[in-house]
Amino acid sequence: MPRIAPVLVADFIEESFPELRGHGAIGTVDQGSLQTIGILVAMLDRLDEGVLAGLSTPQYRDALVATEYLRTTVNRWQYPQPAGRGQYAVVPFQPLGNRHPIVVLRDLMRAAPEEPVAAVLPRLAFLQDPALQESIATDIGSAESAMADGRYKNACVMSGAAIEALLLWAAQRRTQHDHQAAFARVQTRRAQEGRRPLETINADPRRWMLEQYVEVARELPVLSAAAASASMLAKDFRNLIHPGRAERLQQRATRGTAAQGLAAAILTSEDLADRIATGQL
């Protein structure tokens, strides 16, 4: 089953408790909201752990405390209350700084990243560009999440996007003269292998196609032959993003193609990280 995005949880809370929209407050929530709170807990259980890892440690703690508070209350509502005891209700909770658990969760879901990027970011520290790190981490995290949920087409497309972004970054660390010299070596190698020539590269590497990125990166050289081979196998799966019927029918996303694309993205990032660490890039 697909994972639930934090924004959907926040929207559900505000739709169920419209008084919370804007800066509104919420009062006591009693057993009449049993189904609503039960659904909210189920949605929270479907959040991707990688998304929650994007929260700060205090935020993550509050998310867990608020979620378990609601879960415990739902469990209590499902059984008769002890004689002489008032009804259980959801009210401001001292471990949450006397904030209402539902308000805490709404605010946290608005603050949470939409994609599971936190676990990927450390692997991309070599880029030394926080905005680019987050963008590529979002693509890889999305591919990993899609793979886990069986959304194989999404995984293929996002893996290809990550590979393109990584190789563009690597190509931009070399000069246009380097690009042309590498391109000449590519054409020679492909001719020796009996393969068709590579389409001429644009002077601006931002306008290259994935095959051009991979082949030129291999010859610069900023990408190992192993990582290049993996990325070339993922190249055709990138066509799944193309709107044309013919292109779509040529490729079918499967668990194998998704795994191949994701592996290629990870191998590419690891290879570039190694080359940065050894001063080759």
Protein backbone atom coordinates (compact mmCIF):
# COMPACT_ATOMS: atom_id res chain seq x y z
CA MET A 1 0.00 0.00 0.00
CA PRO A 2 1.24 3.54 -0.74
CA ARG A 3 2.49 5.61 2.17
CA ILE A 4 0.57 8.63 3.43
CA ALA A 5 2.08 12.08 2.90
CA PRO A 6 2.17 14.42 5.93
CA VAL A 7 0.15 17.08 4.12
CA LEU A 8 -2.75 14.63 3.75
CA VAL A 9 -2.75 14.06 7.50
CA ALA A 10 -2.73 17.80 8.19
CA ASP A 11 -5.58 18.33 5.72
CA PHE A 12 -7.60 15.51 7.30
CA ILE A 13 -7.19 17.06 10.75
CA GLU A 14 -8.40 20.47 9.57
CA GLU A 15 -11.29 18.96 7.62
CA SER A 16 -12.35 16.94 10.66
CA PHE A 17 -11.84 19.83 13.09
CA PRO A 18 -12.52 22.99 11.01
CA GLU A 19 -12.12 25.16 14.09
CA LEU A 20 -8.37 24.53 13.75
CA ARG A 21 -8.07 26.29 10.40
CA GLY A 22 -5.92 29.37 10.54
CA HIS A 23 -4.93 29.94 14.15
CA GLY A 24 -8.09 28.51 15.70
CA ALA A 25 -8.11 26.51 18.93
CA ILE A 26 -9.70 23.19 19.77
CA GLY A 27 -11.34 22.11 23.00
CA THR A 28 -12.11 18.73 24.53
CA VAL A 29 -12.55 15.90 22.02
CA ASP A 30 -14.83 13.21 23.41
CA GLN A 31 -15.91 9.70 22.45
CA GLY A 32 -18.16 11.05 19.72
CA SER A 33 -14.98 11.46 17.67
CA LEU A 34 -13.97 7.80 18.04
CA GLN A 35 -14.04 7.04 14.32
CA THR A 36 -12.28 10.27 13.36
CA ILE A 37 -9.46 9.76 15.84
CA GLY A 38 -9.19 6.10 14.87
CA ILE A 39 -8.76 7.05 11.22
CA LEU A 40 -6.20 9.71 12.17
CA VAL A 41 -4.13 7.14 14.08
CA ALA A 42 -4.30 4.76 11.10
CA MET A 43 -3.03 7.53 8.81
CA LEU A 44 -0.19 8.34 11.20
CA ASP A 45 0.81 4.67 11.19
CA ARG A 46 1.10 4.82 7.39
CA LEU A 47 3.59 7.69 7.40
CA ASP A 48 6.98 6.86 5.92
CA GLU A 49 9.67 6.65 8.61
CA GLY A 50 12.02 8.48 6.27
CA VAL A 51 9.65 11.45 6.29
CA LEU A 52 9.42 11.46 10.09
CA ALA A 53 13.21 11.30 10.23
CA GLY A 54 13.20 14.70 8.59
CA LEU A 55 11.77 16.20 11.78
CA SER A 56 14.02 17.48 14.54
CA THR A 57 14.51 15.25 17.58
CA PRO A 58 12.03 17.26 19.74
CA GLN A 59 9.48 17.25 16.92
CA TYR A 60 9.87 13.51 16.41
CA ARG A 61 9.39 12.94 20.13
CA ASP A 62 6.23 15.06 20.16
CA ALA A 63 4.87 13.17 17.15
CA LEU A 64 5.33 9.85 18.95
CA VAL A 65 3.86 11.13 22.23
CA ALA A 66 0.80 12.65 20.54
CA THR A 67 0.19 9.58 18.37
CA GLU A 68 0.36 7.15 21.30
CA TYR A 69 -1.86 9.44 23.39
CA LEU A 70 -4.55 9.22 20.70
CA ARG A 71 -4.06 5.48 20.22
CA THR A 72 -4.46 4.81 23.95
CA THR A 73 -7.58 6.98 24.10
CA VAL A 74 -9.16 5.18 21.14
CA ASN A 75 -8.48 1.83 22.83
CA ARG A 76 -10.11 3.06 26.04
CA TRP A 77 -13.17 4.36 24.18
CA GLN A 78 -13.81 0.88 22.77
CA TYR A 79 -14.51 -0.61 26.21
CA PRO A 80 -16.98 0.32 28.99
CA GLN A 81 -15.63 2.90 31.40
CA PRO A 82 -15.06 1.90 35.05
CA ALA A 83 -17.94 2.78 37.39
CA GLY A 84 -17.67 6.26 38.86
CA ARG A 85 -15.08 7.43 36.37
CA GLY A 86 -15.75 10.22 33.92
CA GLN A 87 -15.47 9.72 30.18
CA TYR A 88 -12.01 9.63 28.64
CA ALA A 89 -11.34 12.59 26.38
CA VAL A 90 -8.52 14.12 24.33
CA VAL A 91 -7.35 17.27 26.10
CA PRO A 92 -4.12 19.29 26.39
CA PHE A 93 -1.36 16.96 27.61
CA GLN A 94 1.38 17.91 30.06
CA PRO A 95 4.21 15.95 28.30
CA LEU A 96 3.43 18.02 25.22
CA GLY A 97 3.84 21.28 27.10
CA ASN A 98 0.10 21.35 27.82
CA ARG A 99 -0.62 21.56 24.12
CA HIS A 100 -3.50 19.68 22.53
CA PRO A 101 -2.25 16.46 20.83
CA ILE A 102 -4.33 17.07 17.71
CA VAL A 103 -2.95 20.59 17.34
CA VAL A 104 0.59 19.27 17.86
CA LEU A 105 0.12 16.68 15.13
CA ARG A 106 -1.42 19.17 12.71
CA ASP A 107 1.54 21.53 13.17
CA LEU A 108 4.10 18.75 12.86
CA MET A 109 2.52 17.41 9.68
CA ARG A 110 2.69 20.88 8.17
CA ALA A 111 6.38 21.08 9.14
CA ALA A 112 7.36 17.59 7.96
CA PRO A 113 9.10 17.16 4.59
CA GLU A 114 6.84 15.66 1.92
CA GLU A 115 9.49 13.14 0.85
CA PRO A 116 11.74 10.81 2.89
CA VAL A 117 14.97 12.76 2.41
CA ALA A 118 16.64 12.65 5.83
CA ALA A 119 18.13 9.19 5.47
CA VAL A 120 19.60 10.03 2.05
CA LEU A 121 21.11 13.45 2.80
CA PRO A 122 24.30 12.19 4.55
CA ARG A 123 25.22 10.18 1.43
CA LEU A 124 25.23 13.38 -0.61
CA ALA A 125 27.36 15.54 1.67
CA PHE A 126 30.12 15.51 -0.97
CA LEU A 127 28.00 17.85 -3.13
CA GLN A 128 28.58 20.68 -0.63
CA ASP A 129 25.41 22.39 -1.85
CA PRO A 130 22.49 22.08 0.61
CA ALA A 131 19.80 22.94 -1.95
CA LEU A 132 21.15 20.44 -4.50
CA GLN A 133 21.61 17.80 -1.79
CA GLU A 134 17.99 18.14 -0.74
CA SER A 135 16.73 18.05 -4.33
CA ILE A 136 18.64 14.86 -5.21
CA ALA A 137 17.90 13.30 -1.83
CA THR A 138 14.20 13.91 -2.51
CA ASP A 139 14.48 12.04 -5.83
CA ILE A 140 16.35 9.09 -4.32
CA GLY A 141 14.12 9.02 -1.24
CA SER A 142 11.05 9.08 -3.48
CA ALA A 143 12.46 6.22 -5.54
CA GLU A 144 13.17 4.16 -2.40
CA SER A 145 9.70 4.82 -1.03
CA ALA A 146 8.06 4.01 -4.38
CA MET A 147 10.07 0.80 -4.63
CA ALA A 148 8.93 -0.28 -1.18
CA ASP A 149 5.29 0.47 -2.04
CA GLY A 150 5.33 -1.32 -5.39
CA ARG A 151 5.10 1.88 -7.46
CA TYR A 152 7.77 0.68 -9.85
CA LYS A 153 7.23 3.26 -12.59
CA ASN A 154 7.68 6.09 -10.07
CA ALA A 155 10.85 4.44 -8.77
CA CYS A 156 12.31 4.16 -12.29
CA VAL A 157 11.55 7.75 -13.21
CA MET A 158 12.84 9.27 -9.96
CA SER A 159 16.02 7.16 -10.04
CA GLY A 160 16.73 8.42 -13.55
CA ALA A 161 16.18 12.01 -12.42
CA ALA A 162 18.67 11.54 -9.58
CA ILE A 163 21.30 10.07 -11.91
CA GLU A 164 20.90 12.97 -14.35
CA ALA A 165 21.26 15.54 -11.58
CA LEU A 166 24.35 13.87 -10.14
CA LEU A 167 26.08 13.57 -13.50
CA LEU A 168 25.20 17.15 -14.44
CA TRP A 169 26.88 18.27 -11.22
CA ALA A 170 29.94 16.18 -12.08
CA ALA A 171 30.09 17.44 -15.67
CA GLN A 172 29.92 21.05 -14.50
CA ARG A 173 33.14 20.49 -12.55
CA ARG A 174 34.95 20.05 -15.86
CA THR A 175 35.53 22.50 -18.72
CA GLN A 176 33.91 22.51 -22.15
CA HIS A 177 37.28 21.44 -23.56
CA ASP A 178 37.21 18.43 -21.20
CA HIS A 179 33.69 17.59 -22.40
CA GLN A 180 34.67 17.64 -26.06
CA ALA A 181 37.79 15.54 -25.50
CA ALA A 182 35.77 13.00 -23.53
CA PHE A 183 33.07 12.99 -26.20
CA ALA A 184 35.70 12.18 -28.86
CA ARG A 185 36.87 9.24 -26.76
CA VAL A 186 33.27 8.07 -26.41
CA GLN A 187 32.80 8.04 -30.18
CA THR A 188 36.04 6.11 -30.70
CA ARG A 189 35.11 3.51 -28.09
CA ARG A 190 31.58 3.08 -29.45
CA ALA A 191 32.92 2.63 -32.98
CA GLN A 192 35.33 -0.05 -31.76
CA GLU A 193 32.44 -1.79 -29.99
CA GLY A 194 30.29 -1.67 -33.13
CA ARG A 195 27.74 0.67 -31.55
CA ARG A 196 26.02 3.66 -33.12
CA PRO A 197 27.67 7.07 -32.53
CA LEU A 198 26.48 9.12 -29.58
CA GLU A 199 24.40 12.15 -30.49
CA THR A 200 26.54 15.31 -30.45
CA ILE A 201 26.56 16.98 -27.07
CA ASN A 202 25.39 20.56 -26.55
CA ALA A 203 27.90 23.11 -25.27
CA ASP A 204 25.64 23.48 -22.23
CA PRO A 205 25.62 20.19 -20.25
CA ARG A 206 22.25 21.12 -18.79
CA ARG A 207 20.80 20.19 -22.18
CA TRP A 208 22.32 16.71 -22.38
CA MET A 209 20.35 13.48 -22.28
CA LEU A 210 20.97 10.74 -19.73
CA GLU A 211 22.96 8.59 -22.18
CA GLN A 212 25.23 11.53 -22.95
CA TYR A 213 25.77 12.24 -19.24
CA VAL A 214 26.72 8.64 -18.56
CA GLU A 215 29.02 8.16 -21.53
CA VAL A 216 30.85 11.48 -21.17
CA ALA A 217 31.17 11.06 -17.39
CA ARG A 218 32.80 7.67 -17.94
CA GLU A 219 35.41 9.18 -20.26
CA LEU A 220 36.12 12.41 -18.35
CA PRO A 221 36.64 10.26 -16.22
CA VAL A 222 34.43 11.04 -13.23
CA LEU A 223 32.42 7.81 -13.23
CA SER A 224 33.69 4.25 -13.00
CA ALA A 225 32.87 1.70 -15.68
CA ALA A 226 30.74 -0.27 -13.20
CA ALA A 227 28.64 2.72 -12.18
CA ALA A 228 28.35 3.80 -15.83
CA SER A 229 27.13 0.34 -16.87
CA ALA A 230 24.49 0.34 -14.15
CA SER A 231 23.32 3.80 -15.19
CA MET A 232 23.16 2.81 -18.85
CA LEU A 233 20.89 -0.10 -17.95
CA ALA A 234 18.65 2.38 -16.13
CA LYS A 235 18.68 4.76 -19.11
CA ASP A 236 15.80 3.15 -20.99
CA PHE A 237 13.60 3.05 -17.90
CA ARG A 238 13.88 6.84 -17.77
CA ASN A 239 11.78 6.84 -20.96
CA LEU A 240 8.77 5.93 -18.83
CA ILE A 241 8.35 9.62 -18.16
CA HIS A 242 7.90 10.28 -21.90
CA PRO A 243 4.28 10.97 -22.89
CA GLY A 244 4.50 9.20 -26.26
CA ARG A 245 2.63 5.90 -26.61
CA ALA A 246 5.49 4.20 -28.49
CA GLU A 247 8.05 5.13 -25.86
CA ARG A 248 5.80 3.91 -23.07
CA LEU A 249 5.08 0.59 -24.76
CA GLN A 250 8.78 -0.09 -25.25
CA GLN A 251 9.36 -0.30 -21.50
CA ARG A 252 7.35 -1.79 -18.66
CA ALA A 253 8.16 -0.93 -15.07
CA THR A 254 8.72 -4.01 -12.92
CA ARG A 255 10.30 -4.69 -9.57
CA GLY A 256 13.49 -5.62 -11.40
CA THR A 257 13.67 -2.42 -13.45
CA ALA A 258 12.90 -0.34 -10.37
CA ALA A 259 15.63 -2.08 -8.38
CA GLN A 260 18.07 -1.60 -11.25
CA GLY A 261 17.34 2.11 -11.50
CA LEU A 262 17.63 2.67 -7.77
CA ALA A 263 20.86 0.68 -7.59
CA ALA A 264 22.29 2.77 -10.43
CA ALA A 265 21.44 6.03 -8.63
CA ILE A 266 23.07 4.82 -5.42
CA LEU A 267 26.16 3.48 -7.23
CA THR A 268 26.54 6.79 -9.05
CA SER A 269 26.37 8.80 -5.82
CA GLU A 270 28.84 6.47 -4.09
CA ASP A 271 31.22 6.58 -7.04
CA LEU A 272 31.21 10.38 -7.20
CA ALA A 273 31.67 10.58 -3.41
CA ASP A 274 34.73 8.30 -3.67
CA ARG A 275 36.22 10.43 -6.42
CA ILE A 276 35.71 13.60 -4.41
CA ALA A 277 37.36 11.95 -1.39
CA THR A 278 40.38 10.92 -3.46
CA GLY A 279 40.72 14.26 -5.24
CA GLN A 280 39.76 12.93 -8.67
CA LEU A 281 36.75 15.17 -9.05
